[in-house]
Amino acid sequence: MKPEIHPEYHPVLFVDDEHEVIGRSTMKTSETREIDGVEHFIIRVDISAFSHPFYTGRQKIMDTEGRVERFKKRYAKRGKKKAAKAEAPAAEAKTDESTEA
């Protein structure tokens, strides 16, 4: 590693309401707390894995079935049109062959 190009890492305490996580970061704050004889910078976070709706199960899931049904309904018409176009030339080719004979 090259000297003097890497940032300094400090012990930090990430605080999300009543949950706390000890880690390391390049961030510093004026607020500190001593844990096991080591001074940690306190970084307050709004959302963490403890309070995020996705991880806590409080997230509301949208009606995905309705979206799928609308998609199928919208593109079912296109599928019918393409199928009709594909069958039409095949039917014309059969009638042309029968008239030639």
PDB file of N, CA and C in Angstrom:
ATOM      1  N   MET A   1       0.836  -1.188   0.000  1.00  0.00           N
ATOM      2  CA  MET A   1       0.000   0.000   0.000  1.00  0.00           C
ATOM      3  C   MET A   1       0.873   1.240   0.000  1.00  0.00           C
ATOM      4  N   LYS A   2       0.439   2.230  -0.743  1.00  0.00           N
ATOM      5  CA  LYS A   2       1.164   3.490  -0.764  1.00  0.00           C
ATOM      6  C   LYS A   2       0.849   4.279   0.503  1.00  0.00           C
ATOM      7  N   PRO A   3       1.860   4.871   1.095  1.00  0.00           N
ATOM      8  CA  PRO A   3       1.597   5.670   2.300  1.00  0.00           C
ATOM      9  C   PRO A   3       0.943   7.001   1.958  1.00  0.00           C
ATOM     10  N   GLU A   4       0.154   7.503   2.884  1.00  0.00           N
ATOM     11  CA  GLU A   4      -0.455   8.835   2.840  1.00  0.00           C
ATOM     12  C   GLU A   4      -1.512   9.034   1.756  1.00  0.00           C
ATOM     13  N   ILE A   5      -2.027   7.968   1.146  1.00  0.00           N
ATOM     14  CA  ILE A   5      -3.106   8.168   0.178  1.00  0.00           C
ATOM     15  C   ILE A   5      -4.430   7.591   0.670  1.00  0.00           C
ATOM     16  N   HIS A   6      -4.397   6.808   1.738  1.00  0.00           N
ATOM     17  CA  HIS A   6      -5.601   6.174   2.248  1.00  0.00           C
ATOM     18  C   HIS A   6      -6.189   6.993   3.393  1.00  0.00           C
ATOM     19  N   PRO A   7      -7.507   7.067   3.497  1.00  0.00           N
ATOM     20  CA  PRO A   7      -8.124   7.826   4.590  1.00  0.00           C
ATOM     21  C   PRO A   7      -7.943   7.113   5.929  1.00  0.00           C
ATOM     22  N   GLU A   8      -8.033   7.867   6.984  1.00  0.00           N
ATOM     23  CA  GLU A   8      -7.910   7.295   8.325  1.00  0.00           C
ATOM     24  C   GLU A   8      -9.259   6.738   8.767  1.00  0.00           C
ATOM     25  N   TYR A   9      -9.241   5.536   9.290  1.00  0.00           N
ATOM     26  CA  TYR A   9     -10.449   4.932   9.825  1.00  0.00           C
ATOM     27  C   TYR A   9     -10.468   5.116  11.334  1.00  0.00           C
ATOM     28  N   HIS A  10     -11.661   5.426  11.851  1.00  0.00           N
ATOM     29  CA  HIS A  10     -11.826   5.660  13.270  1.00  0.00           C
ATOM     30  C   HIS A  10     -12.915   4.734  13.803  1.00  0.00           C
ATOM     31  N   PRO A  11     -12.843   4.351  15.060  1.00  0.00           N
ATOM     32  CA  PRO A  11     -13.944   3.583  15.639  1.00  0.00           C
ATOM     33  C   PRO A  11     -15.167   4.489  15.795  1.00  0.00           C
ATOM     34  N   VAL A  12     -16.311   4.005  15.340  1.00  0.00           N
ATOM     35  CA  VAL A  12     -17.542   4.796  15.404  1.00  0.00           C
ATOM     36  C   VAL A  12     -18.656   3.952  16.006  1.00  0.00           C
ATOM     37  N   LEU A  13     -19.669   4.659  16.466  1.00  0.00           N
ATOM     38  CA  LEU A  13     -20.866   4.028  17.004  1.00  0.00           C
ATOM     39  C   LEU A  13     -22.040   4.582  16.221  1.00  0.00           C
ATOM     40  N   PHE A  14     -22.666   3.743  15.385  1.00  0.00           N
ATOM     41  CA  PHE A  14     -23.833   4.163  14.618  1.00  0.00           C
ATOM     42  C   PHE A  14     -25.055   4.007  15.508  1.00  0.00           C
ATOM     43  N   VAL A  15     -25.831   5.071  15.683  1.00  0.00           N
ATOM     44  CA  VAL A  15     -26.983   5.058  16.580  1.00  0.00           C
ATOM     45  C   VAL A  15     -28.247   5.307  15.769  1.00  0.00           C
ATOM     46  N   ASP A  16     -29.206   4.374  15.891  1.00  0.00           N
ATOM     47  CA  ASP A  16     -30.523   4.493  15.252  1.00  0.00           C
ATOM     48  C   ASP A  16     -31.551   4.286  16.359  1.00  0.00           C
ATOM     49  N   ASP A  17     -32.085   5.369  16.881  1.00  0.00           N
ATOM     50  CA  ASP A  17     -33.008   5.334  18.021  1.00  0.00           C
ATOM     51  C   ASP A  17     -32.401   4.544  19.177  1.00  0.00           C
ATOM     52  N   GLU A  18     -32.940   3.375  19.484  1.00  0.00           N
ATOM     53  CA  GLU A  18     -32.433   2.613  20.618  1.00  0.00           C
ATOM     54  C   GLU A  18     -31.401   1.561  20.222  1.00  0.00           C
ATOM     55  N   HIS A  19     -31.118   1.395  18.923  1.00  0.00           N
ATOM     56  CA  HIS A  19     -30.148   0.404  18.472  1.00  0.00           C
ATOM     57  C   HIS A  19     -28.803   1.068  18.208  1.00  0.00           C
ATOM     58  N   GLU A  20     -27.738   0.361  18.524  1.00  0.00           N
ATOM     59  CA  GLU A  20     -26.393   0.866  18.320  1.00  0.00           C
ATOM     60  C   GLU A  20     -25.543  -0.209  17.665  1.00  0.00           C
ATOM     61  N   VAL A  21     -24.690   0.204  16.715  1.00  0.00           N
ATOM     62  CA  VAL A  21     -23.800  -0.720  16.021  1.00  0.00           C
ATOM     63  C   VAL A  21     -22.395  -0.122  16.060  1.00  0.00           C
ATOM     64  N   ILE A  22     -21.445  -0.904  16.504  1.00  0.00           N
ATOM     65  CA  ILE A  22     -20.053  -0.460  16.544  1.00  0.00           C
ATOM     66  C   ILE A  22     -19.386  -0.848  15.234  1.00  0.00           C
ATOM     67  N   GLY A  23     -18.619   0.094  14.684  1.00  0.00           N
ATOM     68  CA  GLY A  23     -17.933  -0.173  13.431  1.00  0.00           C
ATOM     69  C   GLY A  23     -16.766   0.777  13.256  1.00  0.00           C
ATOM     70  N   ARG A  24     -16.289   0.848  12.029  1.00  0.00           N
ATOM     71  CA  ARG A  24     -15.201   1.763  11.696  1.00  0.00           C
ATOM     72  C   ARG A  24     -15.632   2.592  10.505  1.00  0.00           C
ATOM     73  N   SER A  25     -15.191   3.838  10.466  1.00  0.00           N
ATOM     74  CA  SER A  25     -15.567   4.728   9.381  1.00  0.00           C
ATOM     75  C   SER A  25     -14.547   5.851   9.273  1.00  0.00           C
ATOM     76  N   THR A  26     -14.592   6.556   8.165  1.00  0.00           N
ATOM     77  CA  THR A  26     -13.745   7.734   7.988  1.00  0.00           C
ATOM     78  C   THR A  26     -14.429   8.979   8.538  1.00  0.00           C
ATOM     79  N   MET A  27     -15.694   8.861   8.910  1.00  0.00           N
ATOM     80  CA  MET A  27     -16.450  10.011   9.419  1.00  0.00           C
ATOM     81  C   MET A  27     -16.062  10.306  10.863  1.00  0.00           C
ATOM     82  N   LYS A  28     -16.122  11.594  11.208  1.00  0.00           N
ATOM     83  CA  LYS A  28     -15.869  12.035  12.572  1.00  0.00           C
ATOM     84  C   LYS A  28     -17.006  12.952  12.988  1.00  0.00           C
ATOM     85  N   THR A  29     -17.306  12.952  14.265  1.00  0.00           N
ATOM     86  CA  THR A  29     -18.282  13.893  14.810  1.00  0.00           C
ATOM     87  C   THR A  29     -17.713  14.477  16.098  1.00  0.00           C
ATOM     88  N   SER A  30     -18.357  15.508  16.584  1.00  0.00           N
ATOM     89  CA  SER A  30     -17.896  16.118  17.832  1.00  0.00           C
ATOM     90  C   SER A  30     -18.368  15.316  19.043  1.00  0.00           C
ATOM     91  N   GLU A  31     -19.407  14.508  18.856  1.00  0.00           N
ATOM     92  CA  GLU A  31     -19.954  13.703  19.945  1.00  0.00           C
ATOM     93  C   GLU A  31     -19.200  12.373  20.013  1.00  0.00           C
ATOM     94  N   THR A  32     -18.726  12.009  21.202  1.00  0.00           N
ATOM     95  CA  THR A  32     -17.987  10.753  21.365  1.00  0.00           C
ATOM     96  C   THR A  32     -18.486  10.006  22.594  1.00  0.00           C
ATOM     97  N   ARG A  33     -18.176   8.718  22.631  1.00  0.00           N
ATOM     98  CA  ARG A  33     -18.507   7.879  23.780  1.00  0.00           C
ATOM     99  C   ARG A  33     -17.397   6.847  23.930  1.00  0.00           C
ATOM    100  N   GLU A  34     -17.030   6.575  25.162  1.00  0.00           N
ATOM    101  CA  GLU A  34     -15.981   5.599  25.418  1.00  0.00           C
ATOM    102  C   GLU A  34     -16.608   4.232  25.662  1.00  0.00           C
ATOM    103  N   ILE A  35     -16.159   3.248  24.885  1.00  0.00           N
ATOM    104  CA  ILE A  35     -16.656   1.881  25.011  1.00  0.00           C
ATOM    105  C   ILE A  35     -15.441   0.971  25.161  1.00  0.00           C
ATOM    106  N   ASP A  36     -15.379   0.239  26.254  1.00  0.00           N
ATOM    107  CA  ASP A  36     -14.269  -0.671  26.545  1.00  0.00           C
ATOM    108  C   ASP A  36     -12.908   0.025  26.461  1.00  0.00           C
ATOM    109  N   GLY A  37     -12.844   1.249  26.927  1.00  0.00           N
ATOM    110  CA  GLY A  37     -11.584   1.993  26.944  1.00  0.00           C
ATOM    111  C   GLY A  37     -11.207   2.626  25.617  1.00  0.00           C
ATOM    112  N   VAL A  38     -12.065   2.493  24.596  1.00  0.00           N
ATOM    113  CA  VAL A  38     -11.788   3.075  23.281  1.00  0.00           C
ATOM    114  C   VAL A  38     -12.821   4.163  23.006  1.00  0.00           C
ATOM    115  N   GLU A  39     -12.350   5.323  22.576  1.00  0.00           N
ATOM    116  CA  GLU A  39     -13.260   6.427  22.293  1.00  0.00           C
ATOM    117  C   GLU A  39     -13.832   6.272  20.886  1.00  0.00           C
ATOM    118  N   HIS A  40     -15.162   6.241  20.785  1.00  0.00           N
ATOM    119  CA  HIS A  40     -15.868   6.079  19.513  1.00  0.00           C
ATOM    120  C   HIS A  40     -16.595   7.372  19.161  1.00  0.00           C
ATOM    121  N   PHE A  41     -16.547   7.745  17.879  1.00  0.00           N
ATOM    122  CA  PHE A  41     -17.353   8.862  17.405  1.00  0.00           C
ATOM    123  C   PHE A  41     -18.786   8.365  17.242  1.00  0.00           C
ATOM    124  N   ILE A  42     -19.755   9.188  17.635  1.00  0.00           N
ATOM    125  CA  ILE A  42     -21.158   8.793  17.535  1.00  0.00           C
ATOM    126  C   ILE A  42     -21.747   9.388  16.261  1.00  0.00           C
ATOM    127  N   ILE A  43     -22.266   8.513  15.394  1.00  0.00           N
ATOM    128  CA  ILE A  43     -22.901   8.932  14.144  1.00  0.00           C
ATOM    129  C   ILE A  43     -24.355   8.512  14.225  1.00  0.00           C
ATOM    130  N   ARG A  44     -25.238   9.480  14.186  1.00  0.00           N
ATOM    131  CA  ARG A  44     -26.680   9.210  14.253  1.00  0.00           C
ATOM    132  C   ARG A  44     -27.208   8.994  12.836  1.00  0.00           C
ATOM    133  N   VAL A  45     -27.932   7.890  12.661  1.00  0.00           N
ATOM    134  CA  VAL A  45     -28.507   7.560  11.354  1.00  0.00           C
ATOM    135  C   VAL A  45     -30.021   7.531  11.473  1.00  0.00           C
ATOM    136  N   ASP A  46     -30.700   7.913  10.385  1.00  0.00           N
ATOM    137  CA  ASP A  46     -32.165   7.918  10.376  1.00  0.00           C
ATOM    138  C   ASP A  46     -32.728   6.520  10.196  1.00  0.00           C
ATOM    139  N   ILE A  47     -32.124   5.762   9.290  1.00  0.00           N
ATOM    140  CA  ILE A  47     -32.640   4.433   8.962  1.00  0.00           C
ATOM    141  C   ILE A  47     -31.490   3.439   8.972  1.00  0.00           C
ATOM    142  N   SER A  48     -31.727   2.310   9.585  1.00  0.00           N
ATOM    143  CA  SER A  48     -30.752   1.219   9.568  1.00  0.00           C
ATOM    144  C   SER A  48     -31.523  -0.082   9.350  1.00  0.00           C
ATOM    145  N   ALA A  49     -30.826  -1.196   9.417  1.00  0.00           N
ATOM    146  CA  ALA A  49     -31.495  -2.490   9.253  1.00  0.00           C
ATOM    147  C   ALA A  49     -32.498  -2.740  10.369  1.00  0.00           C
ATOM    148  N   PHE A  50     -32.312  -2.087  11.514  1.00  0.00           N
ATOM    149  CA  PHE A  50     -33.227  -2.270  12.637  1.00  0.00           C
ATOM    150  C   PHE A  50     -34.547  -1.530  12.439  1.00  0.00           C
ATOM    151  N   SER A  51     -34.545  -0.429  11.671  1.00  0.00           N
ATOM    152  CA  SER A  51     -35.752   0.378  11.543  1.00  0.00           C
ATOM    153  C   SER A  51     -36.282   0.470  10.114  1.00  0.00           C
ATOM    154  N   HIS A  52     -35.575  -0.084   9.135  1.00  0.00           N
ATOM    155  CA  HIS A  52     -36.025   0.013   7.749  1.00  0.00           C
ATOM    156  C   HIS A  52     -37.266  -0.851   7.551  1.00  0.00           C
ATOM    157  N   PRO A  53     -38.305  -0.318   6.907  1.00  0.00           N
ATOM    158  CA  PRO A  53     -39.554  -1.084   6.729  1.00  0.00           C
ATOM    159  C   PRO A  53     -39.372  -2.411   6.002  1.00  0.00           C
ATOM    160  N   PHE A  54     -38.436  -2.482   5.082  1.00  0.00           N
ATOM    161  CA  PHE A  54     -38.229  -3.730   4.341  1.00  0.00           C
ATOM    162  C   PHE A  54     -37.725  -4.825   5.272  1.00  0.00           C
ATOM    163  N   TYR A  55     -36.793  -4.500   6.136  1.00  0.00           N
ATOM    164  CA  TYR A  55     -36.197  -5.497   7.019  1.00  0.00           C
ATOM    165  C   TYR A  55     -37.077  -5.813   8.226  1.00  0.00           C
ATOM    166  N   THR A  56     -37.922  -4.887   8.632  1.00  0.00           N
ATOM    167  CA  THR A  56     -38.762  -5.116   9.803  1.00  0.00           C
ATOM    168  C   THR A  56     -40.091  -5.764   9.452  1.00  0.00           C
ATOM    169  N   GLY A  57     -40.432  -5.840   8.161  1.00  0.00           N
ATOM    170  CA  GLY A  57     -41.694  -6.452   7.741  1.00  0.00           C
ATOM    171  C   GLY A  57     -42.863  -5.495   7.777  1.00  0.00           C
ATOM    172  N   ARG A  58     -42.626  -4.219   7.989  1.00  0.00           N
ATOM    173  CA  ARG A  58     -43.717  -3.236   8.027  1.00  0.00           C
ATOM    174  C   ARG A  58     -43.980  -2.611   6.663  1.00  0.00           C
ATOM    175  N   GLN A  59     -43.222  -3.016   5.654  1.00  0.00           N
ATOM    176  CA  GLN A  59     -43.400  -2.445   4.327  1.00  0.00           C
ATOM    177  C   GLN A  59     -44.671  -3.000   3.693  1.00  0.00           C
ATOM    178  N   LYS A  60     -45.452  -2.125   3.110  1.00  0.00           N
ATOM    179  CA  LYS A  60     -46.674  -2.556   2.437  1.00  0.00           C
ATOM    180  C   LYS A  60     -46.330  -2.957   1.008  1.00  0.00           C
ATOM    181  N   ILE A  61     -46.804  -4.110   0.610  1.00  0.00           N
ATOM    182  CA  ILE A  61     -46.534  -4.603  -0.729  1.00  0.00           C
ATOM    183  C   ILE A  61     -47.670  -4.157  -1.636  1.00  0.00           C
ATOM    184  N   MET A  62     -47.299  -3.583  -2.763  1.00  0.00           N
ATOM    185  CA  MET A  62     -48.314  -3.102  -3.705  1.00  0.00           C
ATOM    186  C   MET A  62     -48.988  -4.281  -4.394  1.00  0.00           C
ATOM    187  N   ASP A  63     -50.118  -4.016  -4.993  1.00  0.00           N
ATOM    188  CA  ASP A  63     -50.895  -5.040  -5.685  1.00  0.00           C
ATOM    189  C   ASP A  63     -50.188  -5.397  -6.985  1.00  0.00           C
ATOM    190  N   THR A  64     -49.284  -6.364  -6.923  1.00  0.00           N
ATOM    191  CA  THR A  64     -48.547  -6.737  -8.125  1.00  0.00           C
ATOM    192  C   THR A  64     -49.399  -7.593  -9.050  1.00  0.00           C
ATOM    193  N   GLU A  65     -50.378  -8.298  -8.515  1.00  0.00           N
ATOM    194  CA  GLU A  65     -51.230  -9.127  -9.367  1.00  0.00           C
ATOM    195  C   GLU A  65     -52.014  -8.246 -10.330  1.00  0.00           C
ATOM    196  N   GLY A  66     -52.486  -7.118  -9.861  1.00  0.00           N
ATOM    197  CA  GLY A  66     -53.217  -6.202 -10.732  1.00  0.00           C
ATOM    198  C   GLY A  66     -52.348  -5.696 -11.866  1.00  0.00           C
ATOM    199  N   ARG A  67     -51.096  -5.438 -11.585  1.00  0.00           N
ATOM    200  CA  ARG A  67     -50.179  -4.974 -12.625  1.00  0.00           C
ATOM    201  C   ARG A  67     -49.951  -6.052 -13.664  1.00  0.00           C
ATOM    202  N   VAL A  68     -49.783  -7.285 -13.232  1.00  0.00           N
ATOM    203  CA  VAL A  68     -49.545  -8.386 -14.158  1.00  0.00           C
ATOM    204  C   VAL A  68     -50.765  -8.598 -15.035  1.00  0.00           C
ATOM    205  N   GLU A  69     -51.931  -8.562 -14.443  1.00  0.00           N
ATOM    206  CA  GLU A  69     -53.156  -8.753 -15.218  1.00  0.00           C
ATOM    207  C   GLU A  69     -53.335  -7.657 -16.264  1.00  0.00           C
ATOM    208  N   ARG A  70     -53.046  -6.421 -15.892  1.00  0.00           N
ATOM    209  CA  ARG A  70     -53.152  -5.325 -16.864  1.00  0.00           C
ATOM    210  C   ARG A  70     -52.166  -5.522 -18.006  1.00  0.00           C
ATOM    211  N   PHE A  71     -50.950  -5.974 -17.685  1.00  0.00           N
ATOM    212  CA  PHE A  71     -49.935  -6.212 -18.707  1.00  0.00           C
ATOM    213  C   PHE A  71     -50.404  -7.289 -19.676  1.00  0.00           C
ATOM    214  N   LYS A  72     -50.883  -8.409 -19.135  1.00  0.00           N
ATOM    215  CA  LYS A  72     -51.351  -9.501 -19.991  1.00  0.00           C
ATOM    216  C   LYS A  72     -52.524  -9.069 -20.852  1.00  0.00           C
ATOM    217  N   LYS A  73     -53.425  -8.304 -20.264  1.00  0.00           N
ATOM    218  CA  LYS A  73     -54.601  -7.833 -20.998  1.00  0.00           C
ATOM    219  C   LYS A  73     -54.189  -6.911 -22.149  1.00  0.00           C
ATOM    220  N   ARG A  74     -53.247  -6.023 -21.877  1.00  0.00           N
ATOM    221  CA  ARG A  74     -52.809  -5.056 -22.876  1.00  0.00           C
ATOM    222  C   ARG A  74     -52.106  -5.749 -24.046  1.00  0.00           C
ATOM    223  N   TYR A  75     -51.239  -6.723 -23.739  1.00  0.00           N
ATOM    224  CA  TYR A  75     -50.447  -7.356 -24.782  1.00  0.00           C
ATOM    225  C   TYR A  75     -51.099  -8.606 -25.359  1.00  0.00           C
ATOM    226  N   ALA A  76     -52.206  -9.028 -24.812  1.00  0.00           N
ATOM    227  CA  ALA A  76     -52.928 -10.165 -25.387  1.00  0.00           C
ATOM    228  C   ALA A  76     -53.500  -9.777 -26.737  1.00  0.00           C
ATOM    229  N   LYS A  77     -53.907  -8.527 -26.863  1.00  0.00           N
ATOM    230  CA  LYS A  77     -54.444  -8.047 -28.145  1.00  0.00           C
ATOM    231  C   LYS A  77     -53.376  -8.094 -29.229  1.00  0.00           C
ATOM    232  N   ARG A  78     -52.156  -7.716 -28.897  1.00  0.00           N
ATOM    233  CA  ARG A  78     -51.066  -7.752 -29.873  1.00  0.00           C
ATOM    234  C   ARG A  78     -50.754  -9.176 -30.291  1.00  0.00           C
ATOM    235  N   GLY A  79     -50.793 -10.084 -29.338  1.00  0.00           N
ATOM    236  CA  GLY A  79     -50.509 -11.485 -29.639  1.00  0.00           C
ATOM    237  C   GLY A  79     -51.540 -12.061 -30.586  1.00  0.00           C
ATOM    238  N   LYS A  80     -52.806 -11.694 -30.424  1.00  0.00           N
ATOM    239  CA  LYS A  80     -53.869 -12.177 -31.307  1.00  0.00           C
ATOM    240  C   LYS A  80     -53.690 -11.620 -32.712  1.00  0.00           C
ATOM    241  N   LYS A  81     -53.316 -10.345 -32.814  1.00  0.00           N
ATOM    242  CA  LYS A  81     -53.115  -9.725 -34.129  1.00  0.00           C
ATOM    243  C   LYS A  81     -51.958 -10.381 -34.866  1.00  0.00           C
ATOM    244  N   LYS A  82     -50.849 -10.640 -34.157  1.00  0.00           N
ATOM    245  CA  LYS A  82     -49.693 -11.275 -34.783  1.00  0.00           C
ATOM    246  C   LYS A  82     -50.020 -12.694 -35.214  1.00  0.00           C
ATOM    247  N   ALA A  83     -50.792 -13.412 -34.413  1.00  0.00           N
ATOM    248  CA  ALA A  83     -51.177 -14.776 -34.759  1.00  0.00           C
ATOM    249  C   ALA A  83     -52.077 -14.777 -35.993  1.00  0.00           C
ATOM    250  N   ALA A  84     -52.984 -13.807 -36.061  1.00  0.00           N
ATOM    251  CA  ALA A  84     -53.880 -13.714 -37.220  1.00  0.00           C
ATOM    252  C   ALA A  84     -53.089 -13.390 -38.480  1.00  0.00           C
ATOM    253  N   LYS A  85     -52.099 -12.503 -38.384  1.00  0.00           N
ATOM    254  CA  LYS A  85     -51.275 -12.154 -39.542  1.00  0.00           C
ATOM    255  C   LYS A  85     -50.435 -13.344 -39.988  1.00  0.00           C
ATOM    256  N   ALA A  86     -49.949 -14.123 -39.051  1.00  0.00           N
ATOM    257  CA  ALA A  86     -49.119 -15.279 -39.387  1.00  0.00           C
ATOM    258  C   ALA A  86     -49.959 -16.363 -40.052  1.00  0.00           C
ATOM    259  N   GLU A  87     -51.204 -16.515 -39.645  1.00  0.00           N
ATOM    260  CA  GLU A  87     -52.074 -17.534 -40.231  1.00  0.00           C
ATOM    261  C   GLU A  87     -52.573 -17.118 -41.601  1.00  0.00           C
ATOM    262  N   ALA A  88     -52.783 -15.842 -41.849  1.00  0.00           N
ATOM    263  CA  ALA A  88     -53.328 -15.363 -43.112  1.00  0.00           C
ATOM    264  C   ALA A  88     -52.430 -15.711 -44.291  1.00  0.00           C
ATOM    265  N   PRO A  89     -51.133 -15.449 -44.286  1.00  0.00           N
ATOM    266  CA  PRO A  89     -50.297 -15.825 -45.434  1.00  0.00           C
ATOM    267  C   PRO A  89     -50.253 -17.338 -45.636  1.00  0.00           C
ATOM    268  N   ALA A  90     -50.290 -18.096 -44.584  1.00  0.00           N
ATOM    269  CA  ALA A  90     -50.276 -19.551 -44.722  1.00  0.00           C
ATOM    270  C   ALA A  90     -51.563 -20.026 -45.381  1.00  0.00           C
ATOM    271  N   ALA A  91     -52.687 -19.419 -45.031  1.00  0.00           N
ATOM    272  CA  ALA A  91     -53.970 -19.798 -45.629  1.00  0.00           C
ATOM    273  C   ALA A  91     -54.002 -19.395 -47.098  1.00  0.00           C
ATOM    274  N   GLU A  92     -53.467 -18.225 -47.439  1.00  0.00           N
ATOM    275  CA  GLU A  92     -53.436 -17.781 -48.833  1.00  0.00           C
ATOM    276  C   GLU A  92     -52.551 -18.696 -49.664  1.00  0.00           C
ATOM    277  N   ALA A  93     -51.448 -19.157 -49.115  1.00  0.00           N
ATOM    278  CA  ALA A  93     -50.539 -20.035 -49.842  1.00  0.00           C
ATOM    279  C   ALA A  93     -51.231 -21.352 -50.156  1.00  0.00           C
ATOM    280  N   LYS A  94     -52.041 -21.870 -49.243  1.00  0.00           N
ATOM    281  CA  LYS A  94     -52.767 -23.108 -49.497  1.00  0.00           C
ATOM    282  C   LYS A  94     -53.791 -22.921 -50.606  1.00  0.00           C
ATOM    283  N   THR A  95     -54.504 -21.803 -50.619  1.00  0.00           N
ATOM    284  CA  THR A  95     -55.515 -21.576 -51.663  1.00  0.00           C
ATOM    285  C   THR A  95     -54.848 -21.369 -53.000  1.00  0.00           C
ATOM    286  N   ASP A  96     -53.673 -20.730 -53.041  1.00  0.00           N
ATOM    287  CA  ASP A  96     -52.960 -20.537 -54.303  1.00  0.00           C
ATOM    288  C   ASP A  96     -52.492 -21.870 -54.855  1.00  0.00           C
ATOM    289  N   GLU A  97     -52.034 -22.773 -54.018  1.00  0.00           N
ATOM    290  CA  GLU A  97     -51.558 -24.087 -54.456  1.00  0.00           C
ATOM    291  C   GLU A  97     -52.717 -24.917 -54.998  1.00  0.00           C
ATOM    292  N   SER A  98     -53.896 -24.792 -54.373  1.00  0.00           N
ATOM    293  CA  SER A  98     -55.011 -25.604 -54.825  1.00  0.00           C
ATOM    294  C   SER A  98     -55.560 -25.084 -56.158  1.00  0.00           C
ATOM    295  N   THR A  99     -55.453 -23.809 -56.443  1.00  0.00           N
ATOM    296  CA  THR A  99     -55.940 -23.279 -57.709  1.00  0.00           C
ATOM    297  C   THR A  99     -54.983 -23.562 -58.845  1.00  0.00           C
ATOM    298  N   GLU A 100     -53.691 -23.742 -58.565  1.00  0.00           N
ATOM    299  CA  GLU A 100     -52.702 -24.019 -59.593  1.00  0.00           C
ATOM    300  C   GLU A 100     -52.822 -25.440 -60.101  1.00  0.00           C
ATOM    301  N   ALA A 101     -53.261 -26.338 -59.282  1.00  0.00           N
ATOM    302  CA  ALA A 101     -53.276 -27.742 -59.671  1.00  0.00           C
ATOM    303  C   ALA A 101     -54.382 -28.076 -60.589  1.00  0.00           C
TER     304      ALA A 101
END
